[in-house]
Structures are given as structure tokens and as C-alpha cells.
């Protein structure tokens, strides 16, 4: 069994909020695919630097478990 943490952004790169319906749809996909997930609803901040520009992201974390790593990698890549 492997654990996968998914960092789900709460806004697009232009700063506009991702619609709640879109986030709910993603959670529904995880529920259907993995039979469940753990949602860490506290807002987290990611910060990284690329080419002299500092980026900041507000994210929530979703965790799924899977015993089919090849299938899971394919699903997440899609």
C-alpha cells in the first residue's frame, strides 16, 4: 500500500479562485477511483523560487491510499 499526497491549489496562476464546484468534482473523482480520501482542509502555503521570481500558492492537501502504483500513476497523470 502506498500513500499519495495531492496538493490542491485554491487559485489559478492569475490569482482568481478555483470554483468550488471544480474542487468538489476532483474530490468526487478521488472517491470513485480510490474508494476514499483524507482531506486536510487547513489552508497551507507553498513558496518556491524559479528564475528569480518567488511564487506563492494556497493549497489544501488530499491523501489517498493505493496498492496499484502503476494504475495510480496513470490516473494522477491524466
PDB file of N, CA and C in Angstrom:
ATOM      1  N   UNK A   1       0.852  -1.174   0.000  1.00  0.00           N
ATOM      2  CA  UNK A   1       0.000   0.000   0.000  1.00  0.00           C
ATOM      3  C   UNK A   1       0.898   1.237   0.000  1.00  0.00           C
ATOM      4  N   UNK A   2       0.583   2.162  -0.899  1.00  0.00           N
ATOM      5  CA  UNK A   2       1.316   3.423  -0.978  1.00  0.00           C
ATOM      6  C   UNK A   2       0.372   4.578  -0.668  1.00  0.00           C
ATOM      7  N   UNK A   3       0.955   5.616  -0.107  1.00  0.00           N
ATOM      8  CA  UNK A   3       0.215   6.811   0.233  1.00  0.00           C
ATOM      9  C   UNK A   3       0.612   7.931  -0.729  1.00  0.00           C
ATOM     10  N   UNK A   4      -0.374   8.646  -1.228  1.00  0.00           N
ATOM     11  CA  UNK A   4      -0.130   9.746  -2.154  1.00  0.00           C
ATOM     12  C   UNK A   4      -0.751  11.008  -1.580  1.00  0.00           C
ATOM     13  N   UNK A   5       0.030  12.061  -1.483  1.00  0.00           N
ATOM     14  CA  UNK A   5      -0.488  13.346  -1.046  1.00  0.00           C
ATOM     15  C   UNK A   5      -0.623  14.255  -2.256  1.00  0.00           C
ATOM     16  N   UNK A   6      -1.795  14.832  -2.397  1.00  0.00           N
ATOM     17  CA  UNK A   6      -2.095  15.709  -3.516  1.00  0.00           C
ATOM     18  C   UNK A   6      -2.285  17.118  -2.976  1.00  0.00           C
ATOM     19  N   UNK A   7      -1.501  18.033  -3.480  1.00  0.00           N
ATOM     20  CA  UNK A   7      -1.590  19.429  -3.068  1.00  0.00           C
ATOM     21  C   UNK A   7      -2.507  20.148  -4.052  1.00  0.00           C
ATOM     22  N   UNK A   8      -3.682  20.448  -3.589  1.00  0.00           N
ATOM     23  CA  UNK A   8      -4.723  21.003  -4.445  1.00  0.00           C
ATOM     24  C   UNK A   8      -4.734  22.527  -4.319  1.00  0.00           C
ATOM     25  N   UNK A   9      -4.366  23.239  -5.394  1.00  0.00           N
ATOM     26  CA  UNK A   9      -4.342  24.705  -5.314  1.00  0.00           C
ATOM     27  C   UNK A   9      -5.754  25.263  -5.189  1.00  0.00           C
ATOM     28  N   UNK A  10      -5.860  26.384  -4.508  1.00  0.00           N
ATOM     29  CA  UNK A  10      -7.150  27.042  -4.322  1.00  0.00           C
ATOM     30  C   UNK A  10      -7.353  28.207  -5.277  1.00  0.00           C
ATOM     31  N   UNK A  11      -6.311  28.507  -6.078  1.00  0.00           N
ATOM     32  CA  UNK A  11      -6.406  29.614  -7.041  1.00  0.00           C
ATOM     33  C   UNK A  11      -5.596  29.281  -8.285  1.00  0.00           C
ATOM     34  N   UNK A  12      -6.001  29.880  -9.389  1.00  0.00           N
ATOM     35  CA  UNK A  12      -5.250  29.773 -10.639  1.00  0.00           C
ATOM     36  C   UNK A  12      -4.011  30.664 -10.554  1.00  0.00           C
ATOM     37  N   UNK A  13      -3.118  30.528 -11.532  1.00  0.00           N
ATOM     38  CA  UNK A  13      -1.895  31.340 -11.554  1.00  0.00           C
ATOM     39  C   UNK A  13      -2.173  32.840 -11.611  1.00  0.00           C
ATOM     40  N   UNK A  14      -3.320  33.231 -12.158  1.00  0.00           N
ATOM     41  CA  UNK A  14      -3.646  34.662 -12.231  1.00  0.00           C
ATOM     42  C   UNK A  14      -4.235  35.196 -10.926  1.00  0.00           C
ATOM     43  N   UNK A  15      -4.376  34.305  -9.926  1.00  0.00           N
ATOM     44  CA  UNK A  15      -4.886  34.714  -8.618  1.00  0.00           C
ATOM     45  C   UNK A  15      -6.374  34.524  -8.426  1.00  0.00           C
ATOM     46  N   UNK A  16      -7.105  34.222  -9.499  1.00  0.00           N
ATOM     47  CA  UNK A  16      -8.550  34.017  -9.354  1.00  0.00           C
ATOM     48  C   UNK A  16      -8.823  32.666  -8.701  1.00  0.00           C
ATOM     49  N   UNK A  17      -9.858  32.628  -7.885  1.00  0.00           N
ATOM     50  CA  UNK A  17     -10.201  31.414  -7.146  1.00  0.00           C
ATOM     51  C   UNK A  17     -10.685  30.304  -8.075  1.00  0.00           C
ATOM     52  N   UNK A  18     -10.302  29.100  -7.758  1.00  0.00           N
ATOM     53  CA  UNK A  18     -10.826  27.939  -8.482  1.00  0.00           C
ATOM     54  C   UNK A  18     -12.244  27.695  -7.962  1.00  0.00           C
ATOM     55  N   UNK A  19     -13.226  27.553  -8.846  1.00  0.00           N
ATOM     56  CA  UNK A  19     -14.612  27.372  -8.403  1.00  0.00           C
ATOM     57  C   UNK A  19     -14.762  26.146  -7.491  1.00  0.00           C
ATOM     58  N   UNK A  20     -15.577  26.304  -6.471  1.00  0.00           N
ATOM     59  CA  UNK A  20     -15.826  25.229  -5.510  1.00  0.00           C
ATOM     60  C   UNK A  20     -16.323  23.980  -6.228  1.00  0.00           C
ATOM     61  N   UNK A  21     -17.132  24.151  -7.261  1.00  0.00           N
ATOM     62  CA  UNK A  21     -17.669  23.004  -7.996  1.00  0.00           C
ATOM     63  C   UNK A  21     -16.550  22.172  -8.623  1.00  0.00           C
ATOM     64  N   UNK A  22     -15.517  22.835  -9.093  1.00  0.00           N
ATOM     65  CA  UNK A  22     -14.394  22.141  -9.708  1.00  0.00           C
ATOM     66  C   UNK A  22     -13.615  21.347  -8.657  1.00  0.00           C
ATOM     67  N   UNK A  23     -13.415  21.934  -7.487  1.00  0.00           N
ATOM     68  CA  UNK A  23     -12.735  21.240  -6.397  1.00  0.00           C
ATOM     69  C   UNK A  23     -13.566  20.050  -5.916  1.00  0.00           C
ATOM     70  N   UNK A  24     -14.886  20.248  -5.816  1.00  0.00           N
ATOM     71  CA  UNK A  24     -15.783  19.153  -5.408  1.00  0.00           C
ATOM     72  C   UNK A  24     -15.747  18.012  -6.422  1.00  0.00           C
ATOM     73  N   UNK A  25     -15.700  18.356  -7.706  1.00  0.00           N
ATOM     74  CA  UNK A  25     -15.635  17.337  -8.762  1.00  0.00           C
ATOM     75  C   UNK A  25     -14.357  16.504  -8.621  1.00  0.00           C
ATOM     76  N   UNK A  26     -13.245  17.156  -8.331  1.00  0.00           N
ATOM     77  CA  UNK A  26     -11.983  16.436  -8.159  1.00  0.00           C
ATOM     78  C   UNK A  26     -12.063  15.484  -6.970  1.00  0.00           C
ATOM     79  N   UNK A  27     -12.643  15.944  -5.863  1.00  0.00           N
ATOM     80  CA  UNK A  27     -12.796  15.070  -4.691  1.00  0.00           C
ATOM     81  C   UNK A  27     -13.692  13.882  -5.023  1.00  0.00           C
ATOM     82  N   UNK A  28     -14.735  14.114  -5.818  1.00  0.00           N
ATOM     83  CA  UNK A  28     -15.628  13.020  -6.225  1.00  0.00           C
ATOM     84  C   UNK A  28     -14.860  11.996  -7.063  1.00  0.00           C
ATOM     85  N   UNK A  29     -14.000  12.462  -7.968  1.00  0.00           N
ATOM     86  CA  UNK A  29     -13.173  11.549  -8.768  1.00  0.00           C
ATOM     87  C   UNK A  29     -12.276  10.687  -7.877  1.00  0.00           C
ATOM     88  N   UNK A  30     -11.677  11.312  -6.860  1.00  0.00           N
ATOM     89  CA  UNK A  30     -10.821  10.551  -5.940  1.00  0.00           C
ATOM     90  C   UNK A  30     -11.629   9.506  -5.183  1.00  0.00           C
ATOM     91  N   UNK A  31     -12.814   9.877  -4.742  1.00  0.00           N
ATOM     92  CA  UNK A  31     -13.675   8.936  -4.028  1.00  0.00           C
ATOM     93  C   UNK A  31     -14.026   7.737  -4.916  1.00  0.00           C
ATOM     94  N   UNK A  32     -14.380   8.010  -6.169  1.00  0.00           N
ATOM     95  CA  UNK A  32     -14.733   6.931  -7.099  1.00  0.00           C
ATOM     96  C   UNK A  32     -13.524   6.051  -7.421  1.00  0.00           C
ATOM     97  N   UNK A  33     -12.367   6.660  -7.601  1.00  0.00           N
ATOM     98  CA  UNK A  33     -11.173   5.927  -8.022  1.00  0.00           C
ATOM     99  C   UNK A  33     -10.531   5.135  -6.889  1.00  0.00           C
ATOM    100  N   UNK A  34     -10.469   5.722  -5.694  1.00  0.00           N
ATOM    101  CA  UNK A  34      -9.729   5.111  -4.592  1.00  0.00           C
ATOM    102  C   UNK A  34     -10.616   4.627  -3.456  1.00  0.00           C
ATOM    103  N   UNK A  35     -11.912   4.887  -3.551  1.00  0.00           N
ATOM    104  CA  UNK A  35     -12.815   4.438  -2.505  1.00  0.00           C
ATOM    105  C   UNK A  35     -12.811   5.332  -1.283  1.00  0.00           C
ATOM    106  N   UNK A  36     -12.033   6.396  -1.319  1.00  0.00           N
ATOM    107  CA  UNK A  36     -11.985   7.333  -0.213  1.00  0.00           C
ATOM    108  C   UNK A  36     -10.745   8.198  -0.290  1.00  0.00           C
ATOM    109  N   UNK A  37     -10.707   9.191   0.566  1.00  0.00           N
ATOM    110  CA  UNK A  37      -9.549  10.072   0.663  1.00  0.00           C
ATOM    111  C   UNK A  37      -9.606  10.772   2.007  1.00  0.00           C
ATOM    112  N   UNK A  38      -8.490  11.327   2.410  1.00  0.00           N
ATOM    113  CA  UNK A  38      -8.431  12.155   3.611  1.00  0.00           C
ATOM    114  C   UNK A  38      -8.189  13.584   3.161  1.00  0.00           C
ATOM    115  N   UNK A  39      -9.018  14.482   3.670  1.00  0.00           N
ATOM    116  CA  UNK A  39      -8.930  15.887   3.289  1.00  0.00           C
ATOM    117  C   UNK A  39      -8.401  16.674   4.486  1.00  0.00           C
ATOM    118  N   UNK A  40      -7.289  17.368   4.280  1.00  0.00           N
ATOM    119  CA  UNK A  40      -6.737  18.254   5.292  1.00  0.00           C
ATOM    120  C   UNK A  40      -7.145  19.671   4.893  1.00  0.00           C
ATOM    121  N   UNK A  41      -8.272  20.170   5.424  1.00  0.00           N
ATOM    122  CA  UNK A  41      -8.839  21.415   4.928  1.00  0.00           C
ATOM    123  C   UNK A  41      -8.100  22.682   5.343  1.00  0.00           C
ATOM    124  N   UNK A  42      -7.179  22.577   6.297  1.00  0.00           N
ATOM    125  CA  UNK A  42      -6.468  23.797   6.684  1.00  0.00           C
ATOM    126  C   UNK A  42      -5.658  24.293   5.493  1.00  0.00           C
ATOM    127  N   UNK A  43      -5.712  25.582   5.291  1.00  0.00           N
ATOM    128  CA  UNK A  43      -5.015  26.195   4.159  1.00  0.00           C
ATOM    129  C   UNK A  43      -3.514  26.205   4.435  1.00  0.00           C
ATOM    130  N   UNK A  44      -2.743  25.751   3.458  1.00  0.00           N
ATOM    131  CA  UNK A  44      -1.290  25.738   3.542  1.00  0.00           C
ATOM    132  C   UNK A  44      -0.727  26.664   2.477  1.00  0.00           C
ATOM    133  N   UNK A  45       0.496  27.111   2.703  1.00  0.00           N
ATOM    134  CA  UNK A  45       1.142  27.977   1.723  1.00  0.00           C
ATOM    135  C   UNK A  45       2.385  27.290   1.184  1.00  0.00           C
ATOM    136  N   UNK A  46       2.493  27.253  -0.121  1.00  0.00           N
ATOM    137  CA  UNK A  46       3.699  26.769  -0.773  1.00  0.00           C
ATOM    138  C   UNK A  46       4.443  27.960  -1.355  1.00  0.00           C
ATOM    139  N   UNK A  47       5.741  27.972  -1.187  1.00  0.00           N
ATOM    140  CA  UNK A  47       6.562  29.064  -1.712  1.00  0.00           C
ATOM    141  C   UNK A  47       7.758  28.451  -2.418  1.00  0.00           C
ATOM    142  N   UNK A  48       8.049  28.928  -3.624  1.00  0.00           N
ATOM    143  CA  UNK A  48       9.233  28.467  -4.338  1.00  0.00           C
ATOM    144  C   UNK A  48       9.735  29.577  -5.242  1.00  0.00           C
ATOM    145  N   UNK A  49      10.986  29.447  -5.614  1.00  0.00           N
ATOM    146  CA  UNK A  49      11.626  30.461  -6.442  1.00  0.00           C
ATOM    147  C   UNK A  49      12.047  29.812  -7.752  1.00  0.00           C
ATOM    148  N   UNK A  50      11.723  30.481  -8.847  1.00  0.00           N
ATOM    149  CA  UNK A  50      12.060  29.978 -10.171  1.00  0.00           C
ATOM    150  C   UNK A  50      12.468  31.160 -11.035  1.00  0.00           C
ATOM    151  N   UNK A  51      13.714  31.154 -11.510  1.00  0.00           N
ATOM    152  CA  UNK A  51      14.191  32.226 -12.374  1.00  0.00           C
ATOM    153  C   UNK A  51      14.139  33.603 -11.739  1.00  0.00           C
ATOM    154  N   UNK A  52      14.391  33.676 -10.454  1.00  0.00           N
ATOM    155  CA  UNK A  52      14.396  34.959  -9.777  1.00  0.00           C
ATOM    156  C   UNK A  52      13.021  35.458  -9.352  1.00  0.00           C
ATOM    157  N   UNK A  53      11.978  34.710  -9.645  1.00  0.00           N
ATOM    158  CA  UNK A  53      10.615  35.088  -9.264  1.00  0.00           C
ATOM    159  C   UNK A  53      10.160  34.174  -8.131  1.00  0.00           C
ATOM    160  N   UNK A  54       9.588  34.761  -7.089  1.00  0.00           N
ATOM    161  CA  UNK A  54       9.064  33.987  -5.972  1.00  0.00           C
ATOM    162  C   UNK A  54       7.574  33.753  -6.212  1.00  0.00           C
ATOM    163  N   UNK A  55       7.161  32.502  -6.165  1.00  0.00           N
ATOM    164  CA  UNK A  55       5.767  32.107  -6.344  1.00  0.00           C
ATOM    165  C   UNK A  55       5.202  31.671  -5.007  1.00  0.00           C
ATOM    166  N   UNK A  56       3.931  31.983  -4.790  1.00  0.00           N
ATOM    167  CA  UNK A  56       3.237  31.557  -3.577  1.00  0.00           C
ATOM    168  C   UNK A  56       1.914  30.918  -3.994  1.00  0.00           C
ATOM    169  N   UNK A  57       1.602  29.843  -3.319  1.00  0.00           N
ATOM    170  CA  UNK A  57       0.377  29.096  -3.589  1.00  0.00           C
ATOM    171  C   UNK A  57      -0.355  28.835  -2.291  1.00  0.00           C
ATOM    172  N   UNK A  58      -1.660  28.953  -2.305  1.00  0.00           N
ATOM    173  CA  UNK A  58      -2.507  28.493  -1.212  1.00  0.00           C
ATOM    174  C   UNK A  58      -3.059  27.141  -1.648  1.00  0.00           C
ATOM    175  N   UNK A  59      -2.861  26.124  -0.801  1.00  0.00           N
ATOM    176  CA  UNK A  59      -3.277  24.766  -1.149  1.00  0.00           C
ATOM    177  C   UNK A  59      -3.940  24.097   0.048  1.00  0.00           C
ATOM    178  N   UNK A  60      -4.745  23.073  -0.253  1.00  0.00           N
ATOM    179  CA  UNK A  60      -5.191  22.107   0.740  1.00  0.00           C
ATOM    180  C   UNK A  60      -4.611  20.765   0.317  1.00  0.00           C
ATOM    181  N   UNK A  61      -4.523  19.853   1.259  1.00  0.00           N
ATOM    182  CA  UNK A  61      -3.903  18.557   0.977  1.00  0.00           C
ATOM    183  C   UNK A  61      -4.962  17.469   1.020  1.00  0.00           C
ATOM    184  N   UNK A  62      -4.916  16.603   0.004  1.00  0.00           N
ATOM    185  CA  UNK A  62      -5.757  15.407  -0.047  1.00  0.00           C
ATOM    186  C   UNK A  62      -4.826  14.202  -0.069  1.00  0.00           C
ATOM    187  N   UNK A  63      -5.172  13.171   0.660  1.00  0.00           N
ATOM    188  CA  UNK A  63      -4.338  11.967   0.722  1.00  0.00           C
ATOM    189  C   UNK A  63      -5.174  10.765   0.300  1.00  0.00           C
ATOM    190  N   UNK A  64      -4.602   9.940  -0.575  1.00  0.00           N
ATOM    191  CA  UNK A  64      -5.239   8.686  -0.987  1.00  0.00           C
ATOM    192  C   UNK A  64      -4.262   7.544  -0.753  1.00  0.00           C
ATOM    193  N   UNK A  65      -4.806   6.347  -0.634  1.00  0.00           N
ATOM    194  CA  UNK A  65      -4.014   5.132  -0.497  1.00  0.00           C
ATOM    195  C   UNK A  65      -4.311   4.230  -1.676  1.00  0.00           C
ATOM    196  N   UNK A  66      -3.274   3.545  -2.154  1.00  0.00           N
ATOM    197  CA  UNK A  66      -3.461   2.642  -3.285  1.00  0.00           C
ATOM    198  C   UNK A  66      -2.437   1.512  -3.224  1.00  0.00           C
ATOM    199  N   UNK A  67      -2.872   0.339  -3.613  1.00  0.00           N
ATOM    200  CA  UNK A  67      -1.951  -0.798  -3.731  1.00  0.00           C
ATOM    201  C   UNK A  67      -1.688  -1.133  -5.200  1.00  0.00           C
ATOM    202  N   UNK A  68      -2.016  -0.184  -6.088  1.00  0.00           N
ATOM    203  CA  UNK A  68      -1.791  -0.348  -7.520  1.00  0.00           C
ATOM    204  C   UNK A  68      -1.008   0.857  -8.039  1.00  0.00           C
ATOM    205  N   UNK A  69       0.299   0.922  -7.768  1.00  0.00           N
ATOM    206  CA  UNK A  69       1.070   2.120  -8.110  1.00  0.00           C
ATOM    207  C   UNK A  69       1.063   2.474  -9.600  1.00  0.00           C
ATOM    208  N   UNK A  70       1.141   1.496 -10.480  1.00  0.00           N
ATOM    209  CA  UNK A  70       1.138   1.810 -11.914  1.00  0.00           C
ATOM    210  C   UNK A  70      -0.179   2.459 -12.332  1.00  0.00           C
ATOM    211  N   UNK A  71      -1.275   1.875 -11.883  1.00  0.00           N
ATOM    212  CA  UNK A  71      -2.601   2.422 -12.189  1.00  0.00           C
ATOM    213  C   UNK A  71      -2.758   3.823 -11.581  1.00  0.00           C
ATOM    214  N   UNK A  72      -2.304   3.977 -10.354  1.00  0.00           N
ATOM    215  CA  UNK A  72      -2.418   5.267  -9.668  1.00  0.00           C
ATOM    216  C   UNK A  72      -1.614   6.349 -10.383  1.00  0.00           C
ATOM    217  N   UNK A  73      -0.397   6.029 -10.789  1.00  0.00           N
ATOM    218  CA  UNK A  73       0.417   6.998 -11.519  1.00  0.00           C
ATOM    219  C   UNK A  73      -0.271   7.415 -12.816  1.00  0.00           C
ATOM    220  N   UNK A  74      -0.856   6.447 -13.509  1.00  0.00           N
ATOM    221  CA  UNK A  74      -1.563   6.754 -14.754  1.00  0.00           C
ATOM    222  C   UNK A  74      -2.764   7.649 -14.473  1.00  0.00           C
ATOM    223  N   UNK A  75      -3.547   7.313 -13.470  1.00  0.00           N
ATOM    224  CA  UNK A  75      -4.743   8.102 -13.121  1.00  0.00           C
ATOM    225  C   UNK A  75      -4.337   9.530 -12.767  1.00  0.00           C
ATOM    226  N   UNK A  76      -3.339   9.687 -11.928  1.00  0.00           N
ATOM    227  CA  UNK A  76      -2.927  11.025 -11.491  1.00  0.00           C
ATOM    228  C   UNK A  76      -2.313  11.828 -12.641  1.00  0.00           C
ATOM    229  N   UNK A  77      -1.646  11.164 -13.556  1.00  0.00           N
ATOM    230  CA  UNK A  77      -1.068  11.867 -14.706  1.00  0.00           C
ATOM    231  C   UNK A  77      -2.169  12.406 -15.622  1.00  0.00           C
ATOM    232  N   UNK A  78      -3.257  11.680 -15.704  1.00  0.00           N
ATOM    233  CA  UNK A  78      -4.384  12.114 -16.542  1.00  0.00           C
ATOM    234  C   UNK A  78      -5.030  13.327 -15.934  1.00  0.00           C
TER     235      UNK A  78
END
